[in-house]
C-alpha atoms as a PDB file:
ATOM      1  CA  UNK A   1     202.437  80.572 139.740  1.00  0.00           C
ATOM      2  CA  UNK A   2     201.399  81.743 136.268  1.00  0.00           C
ATOM      3  CA  UNK A   3     197.860  82.496 137.372  1.00  0.00           C
ATOM      4  CA  UNK A   4     199.005  84.339 140.501  1.00  0.00           C
ATOM      5  CA  UNK A   5     201.535  86.534 138.703  1.00  0.00           C
ATOM      6  CA  UNK A   6     199.896  86.973 135.298  1.00  0.00           C
ATOM      7  CA  UNK A   7     196.240  86.016 135.751  1.00  0.00           C
ATOM      8  CA  UNK A   8     195.163  89.664 135.613  1.00  0.00           C
ATOM      9  CA  UNK A   9     195.653  89.685 131.835  1.00  0.00           C
ATOM     10  CA  UNK A  10     194.915  86.954 129.309  1.00  0.00           C
ATOM     11  CA  UNK A  11     197.601  88.329 126.992  1.00  0.00           C
ATOM     12  CA  UNK A  12     200.208  88.404 129.792  1.00  0.00           C
ATOM     13  CA  UNK A  13     199.267  84.874 130.878  1.00  0.00           C
ATOM     14  CA  UNK A  14     199.718  83.463 127.376  1.00  0.00           C
ATOM     15  CA  UNK A  15     203.012  85.318 126.912  1.00  0.00           C
ATOM     16  CA  UNK A  16     204.353  84.105 130.281  1.00  0.00           C
ATOM     17  CA  UNK A  17     203.379  80.540 129.399  1.00  0.00           C
ATOM     18  CA  UNK A  18     205.294  80.815 126.125  1.00  0.00           C
ATOM     19  CA  UNK A  19     208.379  82.140 127.901  1.00  0.00           C
ATOM     20  CA  UNK A  20     208.208  79.341 130.485  1.00  0.00           C
ATOM     21  CA  UNK A  21     207.853  76.787 127.690  1.00  0.00           C
ATOM     22  CA  UNK A  22     210.968  78.175 125.985  1.00  0.00           C
ATOM     23  CA  UNK A  23     212.957  78.073 129.215  1.00  0.00           C
ATOM     24  CA  UNK A  24     212.203  74.402 129.807  1.00  0.00           C
ATOM     25  CA  UNK A  25     212.849  73.588 126.136  1.00  0.00           C
ATOM     26  CA  UNK A  26     216.317  75.093 126.522  1.00  0.00           C
ATOM     27  CA  UNK A  27     216.797  73.153 129.747  1.00  0.00           C
ATOM     28  CA  UNK A  28     215.940  69.921 127.935  1.00  0.00           C
ATOM     29  CA  UNK A  29     218.506  70.671 125.216  1.00  0.00           C
ATOM     30  CA  UNK A  30     221.097  71.219 127.931  1.00  0.00           C
ATOM     31  CA  UNK A  31     219.965  67.936 129.572  1.00  0.00           C
ATOM     32  CA  UNK A  32     219.103  69.697 132.796  1.00  0.00           C
ATOM     33  CA  UNK A  33     215.649  68.095 132.792  1.00  0.00           C
ATOM     34  CA  UNK A  34     213.944  65.257 130.937  1.00  0.00           C
ATOM     35  CA  UNK A  35     210.581  66.794 130.063  1.00  0.00           C
ATOM     36  CA  UNK A  36     208.887  70.148 129.610  1.00  0.00           C
ATOM     37  CA  UNK A  37     206.235  70.660 132.316  1.00  0.00           C
ATOM     38  CA  UNK A  38     204.985  73.799 130.572  1.00  0.00           C
ATOM     39  CA  UNK A  39     203.497  71.568 127.866  1.00  0.00           C
ATOM     40  CA  UNK A  40     200.856  70.452 130.351  1.00  0.00           C
ATOM     41  CA  UNK A  41     199.591  73.994 130.896  1.00  0.00           C
ATOM     42  CA  UNK A  42     196.438  74.627 128.921  1.00  0.00           C
ATOM     43  CA  UNK A  43     196.595  77.860 126.917  1.00  0.00           C
ATOM     44  CA  UNK A  44     193.361  79.840 127.145  1.00  0.00           C
ATOM     45  CA  UNK A  45     191.948  80.730 123.717  1.00  0.00           C
ATOM     46  CA  UNK A  46     192.552  84.202 122.345  1.00  0.00           C
ATOM     47  CA  UNK A  47     189.366  86.232 122.092  1.00  0.00           C
ATOM     48  CA  UNK A  48     190.033  88.793 119.406  1.00  0.00           C
ATOM     49  CA  UNK A  49     188.664  92.310 119.789  1.00  0.00           C
ATOM     50  CA  UNK A  50     186.724  93.991 117.043  1.00  0.00           C
ATOM     51  CA  UNK A  51     189.273  95.881 114.958  1.00  0.00           C
ATOM     52  CA  UNK A  52     188.535  99.581 114.651  1.00  0.00           C
ATOM     53  CA  UNK A  53     189.941 101.795 111.907  1.00  0.00           C
ATOM     54  CA  UNK A  54     189.805 105.542 111.422  1.00  0.00           C
ATOM     55  CA  UNK A  55     187.490 107.033 108.841  1.00  0.00           C
ATOM     56  CA  UNK A  56     188.439 109.828 106.439  1.00  0.00           C
ATOM     57  CA  UNK A  57     186.933 112.523 108.670  1.00  0.00           C
ATOM     58  CA  UNK A  58     189.002 111.407 111.679  1.00  0.00           C
ATOM     59  CA  UNK A  59     192.169 111.296 109.580  1.00  0.00           C
ATOM     60  CA  UNK A  60     191.413 114.805 108.299  1.00  0.00           C
ATOM     61  CA  UNK A  61     191.012 115.990 111.891  1.00  0.00           C
ATOM     62  CA  UNK A  62     194.417 114.559 112.903  1.00  0.00           C
ATOM     63  CA  UNK A  63     196.175 116.116 109.926  1.00  0.00           C
ATOM     64  CA  UNK A  64     194.420 119.441 110.434  1.00  0.00           C
ATOM     65  CA  UNK A  65     195.523 119.613 114.077  1.00  0.00           C
ATOM     66  CA  UNK A  66     199.175 119.175 113.094  1.00  0.00           C
ATOM     67  CA  UNK A  67     198.782 122.055 110.637  1.00  0.00           C
ATOM     68  CA  UNK A  68     196.828 124.517 112.759  1.00  0.00           C
ATOM     69  CA  UNK A  69     198.045 123.909 116.332  1.00  0.00           C
ATOM     70  CA  UNK A  70     201.625 125.135 116.622  1.00  0.00           C
ATOM     71  CA  UNK A  71     202.716 122.827 119.424  1.00  0.00           C
ATOM     72  CA  UNK A  72     201.470 119.797 117.439  1.00  0.00           C
ATOM     73  CA  UNK A  73     203.251 120.605 114.176  1.00  0.00           C
ATOM     74  CA  UNK A  74     206.332 118.503 115.166  1.00  0.00           C
ATOM     75  CA  UNK A  75     204.010 115.470 115.189  1.00  0.00           C
ATOM     76  CA  UNK A  76     203.085 115.862 111.509  1.00  0.00           C
ATOM     77  CA  UNK A  77     205.855 113.763 109.956  1.00  0.00           C
ATOM     78  CA  UNK A  78     205.521 110.915 112.456  1.00  0.00           C
ATOM     79  CA  UNK A  79     201.745 110.872 112.025  1.00  0.00           C
ATOM     80  CA  UNK A  80     202.077 110.637 108.238  1.00  0.00           C
ATOM     81  CA  UNK A  81     204.587 107.773 108.435  1.00  0.00           C
ATOM     82  CA  UNK A  82     202.346 105.809 110.779  1.00  0.00           C
ATOM     83  CA  UNK A  83     199.202 106.458 108.742  1.00  0.00           C
ATOM     84  CA  UNK A  84     200.429 106.077 105.169  1.00  0.00           C
ATOM     85  CA  UNK A  85     203.394 103.727 105.674  1.00  0.00           C
ATOM     86  CA  UNK A  86     202.177 101.586 108.583  1.00  0.00           C
ATOM     87  CA  UNK A  87     205.252 102.368 110.684  1.00  0.00           C
ATOM     88  CA  UNK A  88     204.867 101.360 114.324  1.00  0.00           C
ATOM     89  CA  UNK A  89     205.042 104.091 117.020  1.00  0.00           C
ATOM     90  CA  UNK A  90     208.132 102.455 118.552  1.00  0.00           C
ATOM     91  CA  UNK A  91     209.778 102.398 115.122  1.00  0.00           C
ATOM     92  CA  UNK A  92     208.944 105.951 114.109  1.00  0.00           C
ATOM     93  CA  UNK A  93     210.516 107.268 117.303  1.00  0.00           C
ATOM     94  CA  UNK A  94     213.850 105.736 116.232  1.00  0.00           C
ATOM     95  CA  UNK A  95     213.824 107.032 112.676  1.00  0.00           C
ATOM     96  CA  UNK A  96     215.959 109.906 111.409  1.00  0.00           C
ATOM     97  CA  UNK A  97     215.320 112.099 108.392  1.00  0.00           C
ATOM     98  CA  UNK A  98     218.175 110.322 106.657  1.00  0.00           C
ATOM     99  CA  UNK A  99     216.038 107.160 106.640  1.00  0.00           C
ATOM    100  CA  UNK A 100     213.799 108.780 104.017  1.00  0.00           C
ATOM    101  CA  UNK A 101     215.150 108.236 100.515  1.00  0.00           C
ATOM    102  CA  UNK A 102     213.767 111.097  98.457  1.00  0.00           C
ATOM    103  CA  UNK A 103     215.017 109.686  95.161  1.00  0.00           C
ATOM    104  CA  UNK A 104     213.373 106.289  95.696  1.00  0.00           C
ATOM    105  CA  UNK A 105     210.406 107.775  97.606  1.00  0.00           C
ATOM    106  CA  UNK A 106     210.638 105.211 100.390  1.00  0.00           C
ATOM    107  CA  UNK A 107     211.304 105.164 104.105  1.00  0.00           C
ATOM    108  CA  UNK A 108     213.833 102.592 105.308  1.00  0.00           C
ATOM    109  CA  UNK A 109     213.255 100.817 108.608  1.00  0.00           C
ATOM    110  CA  UNK A 110     216.541  99.157 109.498  1.00  0.00           C
ATOM    111  CA  UNK A 111     216.624  95.923 111.466  1.00  0.00           C
ATOM    112  CA  UNK A 112     217.876  97.744 114.554  1.00  0.00           C
ATOM    113  CA  UNK A 113     214.841 100.035 114.438  1.00  0.00           C
ATOM    114  CA  UNK A 114     212.277  97.349 113.626  1.00  0.00           C
ATOM    115  CA  UNK A 115     210.165  95.644 116.268  1.00  0.00           C
ATOM    116  CA  UNK A 116     210.605  92.264 114.590  1.00  0.00           C
ATOM    117  CA  UNK A 117     214.274  92.777 113.723  1.00  0.00           C
ATOM    118  CA  UNK A 118     213.696  92.657 109.961  1.00  0.00           C
ATOM    119  CA  UNK A 119     214.603  95.554 107.700  1.00  0.00           C
ATOM    120  CA  UNK A 120     212.081  96.845 105.178  1.00  0.00           C
ATOM    121  CA  UNK A 121     211.556  99.685 102.719  1.00  0.00           C
ATOM    122  CA  UNK A 122     208.051 101.144 102.573  1.00  0.00           C
ATOM    123  CA  UNK A 123     206.892 103.375  99.697  1.00  0.00           C
ATOM    124  CA  UNK A 124     205.737 106.875 100.576  1.00  0.00           C
ATOM    125  CA  UNK A 125     202.124 107.249  99.502  1.00  0.00           C
ATOM    126  CA  UNK A 126     199.224 109.583 100.117  1.00  0.00           C
ATOM    127  CA  UNK A 127     199.916 112.170 102.778  1.00  0.00           C
ATOM    128  CA  UNK A 128     203.412 110.794 103.411  1.00  0.00           C
ATOM    129  CA  UNK A 129     204.624 112.130 100.053  1.00  0.00           C
ATOM    130  CA  UNK A 130     204.723 115.634 101.547  1.00  0.00           C
ATOM    131  CA  UNK A 131     207.781 114.511 103.550  1.00  0.00           C
ATOM    132  CA  UNK A 132     209.815 114.709 100.340  1.00  0.00           C
ATOM    133  CA  UNK A 133     209.592 118.497 100.555  1.00  0.00           C
ATOM    134  CA  UNK A 134     210.932 118.710 104.109  1.00  0.00           C
ATOM    135  CA  UNK A 135     214.482 119.888 104.726  1.00  0.00           C
ATOM    136  CA  UNK A 136     216.114 118.538 107.878  1.00  0.00           C
ATOM    137  CA  UNK A 137     219.600 117.208 108.712  1.00  0.00           C
ATOM    138  CA  UNK A 138     219.912 113.488 108.056  1.00  0.00           C
ATOM    139  CA  UNK A 139     220.809 112.805 111.701  1.00  0.00           C
ATOM    140  CA  UNK A 140     217.768 114.657 113.109  1.00  0.00           C
ATOM    141  CA  UNK A 141     215.036 112.524 114.674  1.00  0.00           C
ATOM    142  CA  UNK A 142     211.694 112.566 112.869  1.00  0.00           C
ATOM    143  CA  UNK A 143     209.554 112.310 116.010  1.00  0.00           C
ATOM    144  CA  UNK A 144     209.651 114.964 118.759  1.00  0.00           C
ATOM    145  CA  UNK A 145     211.179 114.111 122.125  1.00  0.00           C
ATOM    146  CA  UNK A 146     208.031 114.953 124.079  1.00  0.00           C
ATOM    147  CA  UNK A 147     206.223 112.157 122.297  1.00  0.00           C
ATOM    148  CA  UNK A 148     203.803 110.815 124.911  1.00  0.00           C
ATOM    149  CA  UNK A 149     202.354 114.208 125.854  1.00  0.00           C
ATOM    150  CA  UNK A 150     202.044 115.454 122.277  1.00  0.00           C
ATOM    151  CA  UNK A 151     200.572 112.195 120.991  1.00  0.00           C
ATOM    152  CA  UNK A 152     197.859 112.261 123.656  1.00  0.00           C
ATOM    153  CA  UNK A 153     197.138 115.916 122.982  1.00  0.00           C
ATOM    154  CA  UNK A 154     196.877 115.268 119.239  1.00  0.00           C
ATOM    155  CA  UNK A 155     194.193 112.617 119.713  1.00  0.00           C
ATOM    156  CA  UNK A 156     192.251 114.796 122.133  1.00  0.00           C
ATOM    157  CA  UNK A 157     192.521 117.847 119.878  1.00  0.00           C
ATOM    158  CA  UNK A 158     191.214 115.796 116.951  1.00  0.00           C
ATOM    159  CA  UNK A 159     188.196 114.824 119.031  1.00  0.00           C
ATOM    160  CA  UNK A 160     188.912 111.083 118.939  1.00  0.00           C
ATOM    161  CA  UNK A 161     187.808 109.714 122.310  1.00  0.00           C
ATOM    162  CA  UNK A 162     187.880 105.942 121.771  1.00  0.00           C
ATOM    163  CA  UNK A 163     191.341 105.000 120.556  1.00  0.00           C
ATOM    164  CA  UNK A 164     192.267 101.366 120.017  1.00  0.00           C
ATOM    165  CA  UNK A 165     195.912 100.354 120.191  1.00  0.00           C
ATOM    166  CA  UNK A 166     197.538 100.305 116.746  1.00  0.00           C
ATOM    167  CA  UNK A 167     194.598 102.221 115.268  1.00  0.00           C
ATOM    168  CA  UNK A 168     196.853 103.839 112.656  1.00  0.00           C
ATOM    169  CA  UNK A 169     198.373 100.507 111.576  1.00  0.00           C
ATOM    170  CA  UNK A 170     194.903  98.965 111.426  1.00  0.00           C
ATOM    171  CA  UNK A 171     193.810 101.844 109.231  1.00  0.00           C
ATOM    172  CA  UNK A 172     196.835 101.578 106.950  1.00  0.00           C
ATOM    173  CA  UNK A 173     196.474  97.800 106.587  1.00  0.00           C
ATOM    174  CA  UNK A 174     192.752  97.892 105.824  1.00  0.00           C
ATOM    175  CA  UNK A 175     193.029 100.795 103.380  1.00  0.00           C
ATOM    176  CA  UNK A 176     196.031  99.163 101.675  1.00  0.00           C
ATOM    177  CA  UNK A 177     194.320  95.823 101.104  1.00  0.00           C
ATOM    178  CA  UNK A 178     191.113  97.489  99.916  1.00  0.00           C
ATOM    179  CA  UNK A 179     193.067  99.682  97.475  1.00  0.00           C
ATOM    180  CA  UNK A 180     195.733  97.275  96.156  1.00  0.00           C
ATOM    181  CA  UNK A 181     194.284  93.783  96.836  1.00  0.00           C
ATOM    182  CA  UNK A 182     197.745  92.353  97.562  1.00  0.00           C
ATOM    183  CA  UNK A 183     198.122  90.619 100.929  1.00  0.00           C
ATOM    184  CA  UNK A 184     201.740  89.576 100.341  1.00  0.00           C
ATOM    185  CA  UNK A 185     202.747  93.153  99.500  1.00  0.00           C
ATOM    186  CA  UNK A 186     200.967  94.404 102.615  1.00  0.00           C
ATOM    187  CA  UNK A 187     202.708  91.764 104.733  1.00  0.00           C
ATOM    188  CA  UNK A 188     206.095  92.850 103.388  1.00  0.00           C
ATOM    189  CA  UNK A 189     205.468  96.548 103.953  1.00  0.00           C
ATOM    190  CA  UNK A 190     204.198  96.036 107.487  1.00  0.00           C
ATOM    191  CA  UNK A 191     207.118  93.811 108.442  1.00  0.00           C
ATOM    192  CA  UNK A 192     205.128  90.687 109.350  1.00  0.00           C
ATOM    193  CA  UNK A 193     206.608  87.210 108.974  1.00  0.00           C
ATOM    194  CA  UNK A 194     203.283  85.761 107.784  1.00  0.00           C
ATOM    195  CA  UNK A 195     199.841  86.959 106.835  1.00  0.00           C
ATOM    196  CA  UNK A 196     197.837  85.145 109.524  1.00  0.00           C
ATOM    197  CA  UNK A 197     198.392  87.898 112.104  1.00  0.00           C
ATOM    198  CA  UNK A 198     197.316  90.497 109.557  1.00  0.00           C
ATOM    199  CA  UNK A 199     194.098  88.705 108.768  1.00  0.00           C
ATOM    200  CA  UNK A 200     193.117  88.076 112.401  1.00  0.00           C
ATOM    201  CA  UNK A 201     194.253  91.232 114.193  1.00  0.00           C
ATOM    202  CA  UNK A 202     194.827  94.055 111.716  1.00  0.00           C
ATOM    203  CA  UNK A 203     192.188  94.085 109.008  1.00  0.00           C
ATOM    204  CA  UNK A 204     188.677  95.473 109.090  1.00  0.00           C
ATOM    205  CA  UNK A 205     187.131  95.691 105.637  1.00  0.00           C
ATOM    206  CA  UNK A 206     183.551  95.802 106.865  1.00  0.00           C
ATOM    207  CA  UNK A 207     181.762  98.857 105.457  1.00  0.00           C
ATOM    208  CA  UNK A 208     185.045 100.132 103.992  1.00  0.00           C
ATOM    209  CA  UNK A 209     184.418 101.435 100.490  1.00  0.00           C
ATOM    210  CA  UNK A 210     187.033 101.314  97.744  1.00  0.00           C
ATOM    211  CA  UNK A 211     186.399 104.988  97.060  1.00  0.00           C
ATOM    212  CA  UNK A 212     187.567 105.799 100.604  1.00  0.00           C
ATOM    213  CA  UNK A 213     190.708 103.692 100.146  1.00  0.00           C
ATOM    214  CA  UNK A 214     191.487 105.413  96.832  1.00  0.00           C
ATOM    215  CA  UNK A 215     191.028 108.812  98.484  1.00  0.00           C
ATOM    216  CA  UNK A 216     193.230 107.723 101.396  1.00  0.00           C
ATOM    217  CA  UNK A 217     196.186 107.045  99.095  1.00  0.00           C
ATOM    218  CA  UNK A 218     195.641 110.071  96.827  1.00  0.00           C
ATOM    219  CA  UNK A 219     198.475 112.522  97.539  1.00  0.00           C
ATOM    220  CA  UNK A 220     196.590 115.542  96.169  1.00  0.00           C
ATOM    221  CA  UNK A 221     193.788 114.976  98.672  1.00  0.00           C
ATOM    222  CA  UNK A 222     196.102 115.484 101.656  1.00  0.00           C
ATOM    223  CA  UNK A 223     198.709 117.984 100.450  1.00  0.00           C
END
């Protein structure tokens, strides 16, 4: 059944197996069954993809497009939060301008807006510091409503053809670790429960120079 319904995707197959395992575990606790048949299902190994991050030139192109192309200007704030604060796309679309604390220079991601359900406060650094100068009502959404169309157009306008999922979070994580050398701090700011996922699926330090990471987090370079 698992192979028939979810065999088209290794990720979907593993996720479905986990859900089935949880269902039977609950059934055992309720004494509806005596064993968990999902335990006998072999989980195929995860083959991790090579993690790609954006270079300084690509980041410059994204920022430049939000400045020079009128229809893309509403994407500027969301782009900066994803790039310099590691905020997930699903999270940034739920944020309001009131979630940015200008006095503390942080953006708050409440539990209800977080993918993992945990609240966190992420410092504004680099290009995200320009958000302190913006004037919007606290209840106004940061991301534009026409998100999907504008986000696709932004990538195309910046000339970035190959785009890996979570490319901005990969970039933030790799630049952060290269610049600050603090895995626990990075884990906290990204909202991960442990660092193993960061190390296996988010970081790419190969060929990344510290000078690039320093430039990435330098506010004057982007404002």
